[in-house]
Amino acid sequence: MLNWRRDPGYEQRLRQIESDTEQIKNETEQIKSDTEQLKNETKQLRLENAKLKQLNSKGRELLCSVEPLYSMPDISSIPPNSTVQD
């Protein structure tokens, strides 16, 4: 005859393992969702950065074309003030 005894904590441990497994599955799904959201946000930020670079480039071009129009005259071309009193 076999002297067999049932493990009283077996079912409790099994339920805990099943619960832990379910929790890990849920966390994995959440991580996948978060990862997808981050990929989308990264893509959007790259597009916005490209647009900003383009706008910055256009702004620099405009500044370079306007600068000569508003530059200060050369000091040597300004006539000196008269020192003679009236």
Protein backbone atom coordinates (compact mmCIF):
# COMPACT_ATOMS: atom_id res chain seq x y z
CA MET A 1 0.00 0.00 0.00
CA LEU A 2 1.07 3.50 -0.74
CA ASN A 3 1.08 6.06 1.98
CA TRP A 4 -0.36 8.96 -0.09
CA ARG A 5 -1.24 12.33 1.42
CA ARG A 6 -2.80 15.17 -0.43
CA ASP A 7 -0.82 18.44 -0.44
CA PRO A 8 -3.16 20.90 1.32
CA GLY A 9 -1.50 23.99 -0.20
CA TYR A 10 -1.43 22.72 -3.78
CA GLU A 11 -4.73 24.25 -4.90
CA GLN A 12 -3.95 27.56 -3.20
CA ARG A 13 -0.54 27.74 -4.93
CA LEU A 14 -2.14 26.78 -8.25
CA ARG A 15 -4.74 29.59 -7.92
CA GLN A 16 -1.94 32.04 -7.04
CA ILE A 17 0.08 30.97 -10.08
CA GLU A 18 -2.98 31.36 -12.32
CA SER A 19 -3.65 34.79 -10.85
CA ASP A 20 -0.02 35.84 -11.32
CA THR A 21 -0.09 34.56 -14.91
CA GLU A 22 -3.23 36.57 -15.67
CA GLN A 23 -1.68 39.69 -14.13
CA ILE A 24 1.47 39.24 -16.22
CA LYS A 25 -0.66 38.87 -19.38
CA ASN A 26 -2.51 42.09 -18.54
CA GLU A 27 0.73 43.94 -17.84
CA THR A 28 2.18 42.66 -21.12
CA GLU A 29 -0.83 43.97 -23.04
CA GLN A 30 -0.50 47.34 -21.29
CA ILE A 31 3.19 47.49 -22.19
CA LYS A 32 2.38 46.68 -25.82
CA SER A 33 -0.23 49.43 -25.85
CA ASP A 34 2.14 51.93 -24.24
CA THR A 35 4.89 50.99 -26.71
CA GLU A 36 2.56 51.55 -29.65
CA GLN A 37 1.51 54.92 -28.26
CA LEU A 38 5.16 55.94 -27.81
CA LYS A 39 5.94 54.89 -31.39
CA ASN A 40 3.08 57.06 -32.66
CA GLU A 41 4.14 60.01 -30.52
CA THR A 42 7.75 59.63 -31.68
CA LYS A 43 6.62 59.61 -35.30
CA GLN A 44 4.54 62.74 -34.72
CA LEU A 45 7.45 64.52 -32.98
CA ARG A 46 9.78 63.66 -35.86
CA LEU A 47 7.30 65.15 -38.33
CA GLU A 48 6.96 68.29 -36.21
CA ASN A 49 10.75 68.58 -35.88
CA ALA A 50 11.14 68.33 -39.64
CA LYS A 51 8.56 71.10 -40.11
CA LEU A 52 10.33 73.27 -37.52
CA LYS A 53 13.69 72.76 -39.25
CA GLN A 54 12.12 73.80 -42.53
CA LEU A 55 10.57 76.90 -40.94
CA ASN A 56 13.86 77.79 -39.22
CA SER A 57 15.66 77.51 -42.53
CA LYS A 58 13.14 79.80 -44.22
CA GLY A 59 13.39 82.24 -41.32
CA ARG A 60 17.18 82.37 -41.61
CA GLU A 61 16.89 82.95 -45.37
CA LEU A 62 14.48 85.83 -44.76
CA LEU A 63 16.74 87.37 -42.12
CA CYS A 64 19.72 87.15 -44.43
CA SER A 65 17.80 88.85 -47.22
CA VAL A 66 16.45 91.62 -44.95
CA GLU A 67 19.67 92.31 -43.00
CA PRO A 68 21.37 94.35 -45.74
CA LEU A 69 18.32 96.62 -45.98
CA TYR A 70 18.44 97.57 -42.31
CA SER A 71 22.11 97.45 -41.53
CA MET A 72 23.76 100.39 -39.77
CA PRO A 73 25.63 102.73 -42.11
CA ASP A 74 29.39 102.69 -41.99
CA ILE A 75 30.71 105.27 -39.49
CA SER A 76 33.13 106.70 -42.05
CA SER A 77 30.19 107.62 -44.32
CA ILE A 78 28.50 109.78 -41.63
CA PRO A 79 29.48 113.45 -41.96
CA PRO A 80 31.01 114.91 -38.80
CA ASN A 81 28.99 117.34 -36.67
CA SER A 82 29.86 120.98 -37.00
CA THR A 83 31.75 122.34 -34.01
CA VAL A 84 31.28 125.95 -34.98
CA GLN A 85 28.77 127.81 -32.84
CA ASP A 86 26.27 130.15 -34.46
